[in-house]
Amino acid sequence: MPARKPQYFRVIYFDQDKLTCNVSQIISDDTAVTNRTCELQKAGRNVNVSTTDPQLDKKNVPSIESLLEKLPFGYRHDSDLSW
């Protein structure tokens, strides 16, 4: 059985308490981010993440700039936001 090809995507971080968001570099595994998000939520933080559609080719992953152009209304970019 051939090895599964990695899929690449970006994580978008959202902090609803501060109305801020940020976009990650291209990654292929969001397990640590998802686990940390759950920990923060259990601690009372109003945070969540979403991901771009997974791609087999890194060149097809949307750019950070293109994603930041589509911020939800009222949100601002915070380059230090990540976990």
Protein backbone atom coordinates (compact mmCIF):
# COMPACT_ATOMS: atom_id res chain seq x y z
CA MET A 1 0.00 0.00 0.00
CA PRO A 2 1.58 3.32 -1.04
CA ALA A 3 2.23 5.96 1.59
CA ARG A 4 -0.37 8.69 1.82
CA LYS A 5 0.73 11.95 0.23
CA PRO A 6 0.80 14.90 2.63
CA GLN A 7 -1.76 17.62 2.17
CA TYR A 8 -0.87 21.23 2.81
CA PHE A 9 -2.98 24.05 4.23
CA ARG A 10 -2.94 27.13 6.46
CA VAL A 11 -4.55 27.61 9.87
CA ILE A 12 -6.49 30.79 10.56
CA TYR A 13 -6.48 31.72 14.26
CA PHE A 14 -9.43 33.67 15.70
CA ASP A 15 -9.65 35.37 19.08
CA GLN A 16 -13.27 36.45 19.54
CA ASP A 17 -12.50 38.21 22.82
CA LYS A 18 -10.11 40.64 21.13
CA LEU A 19 -11.59 40.43 17.59
CA THR A 20 -8.19 39.55 16.17
CA CYS A 21 -6.97 36.88 13.79
CA ASN A 22 -3.82 35.62 12.15
CA VAL A 23 -2.81 33.15 9.43
CA SER A 24 -0.17 30.44 9.79
CA GLN A 25 2.55 29.41 7.45
CA ILE A 26 1.82 26.36 5.28
CA ILE A 27 1.56 23.21 7.40
CA SER A 28 0.53 19.58 6.91
CA ASP A 29 -0.55 18.66 10.44
CA ASP A 30 -2.73 20.79 12.72
CA THR A 31 -2.95 18.34 15.62
CA ALA A 32 -0.96 20.53 18.05
CA VAL A 33 -2.95 23.64 17.09
CA THR A 34 -6.27 21.83 17.52
CA ASN A 35 -5.25 20.40 20.90
CA ARG A 36 -4.07 23.81 22.13
CA THR A 37 -7.30 25.42 20.93
CA CYS A 38 -9.29 22.93 23.01
CA GLU A 39 -7.13 23.67 26.06
CA LEU A 40 -7.66 27.43 25.67
CA GLN A 41 -11.40 26.97 25.25
CA LYS A 42 -11.59 24.81 28.38
CA ALA A 43 -9.74 27.59 30.23
CA GLY A 44 -12.48 30.03 29.20
CA ARG A 45 -10.93 31.69 26.18
CA ASN A 46 -13.22 32.50 23.27
CA VAL A 47 -10.89 31.29 20.49
CA ASN A 48 -11.12 28.98 17.51
CA VAL A 49 -9.32 28.02 14.32
CA SER A 50 -10.23 27.11 10.79
CA THR A 51 -8.16 25.78 7.91
CA THR A 52 -7.94 26.36 4.22
CA ASP A 53 -8.85 23.47 1.94
CA PRO A 54 -6.06 20.86 1.94
CA GLN A 55 -3.94 20.79 -1.22
CA LEU A 56 -1.51 18.18 -2.55
CA ASP A 57 0.71 20.91 -3.99
CA LYS A 58 1.94 23.73 -1.73
CA LYS A 59 1.68 26.14 -4.66
CA ASN A 60 -2.12 25.83 -4.53
CA VAL A 61 -2.45 26.91 -0.89
CA PRO A 62 -3.85 30.47 -0.65
CA SER A 63 -1.39 33.20 0.28
CA ILE A 64 -1.46 34.83 3.69
CA GLU A 65 -2.22 38.15 2.03
CA SER A 66 -5.24 36.81 0.15
CA LEU A 67 -6.66 35.36 3.36
CA LEU A 68 -6.08 38.56 5.34
CA GLU A 69 -8.05 40.47 2.70
CA LYS A 70 -11.08 38.40 3.74
CA LEU A 71 -11.08 39.08 7.48
CA PRO A 72 -14.47 38.80 9.14
CA PHE A 73 -16.18 42.14 9.74
CA GLY A 74 -14.78 43.89 12.82
CA TYR A 75 -11.64 41.74 13.06
CA ARG A 76 -8.11 43.08 12.77
CA HIS A 77 -4.88 41.29 11.98
CA ASP A 78 -2.59 40.48 14.92
CA SER A 79 0.71 39.06 13.67
CA ASP A 80 1.52 37.75 17.16
CA LEU A 81 -1.66 35.69 17.49
CA SER A 82 -0.94 31.95 17.45
CA TRP A 83 -0.76 29.02 19.83
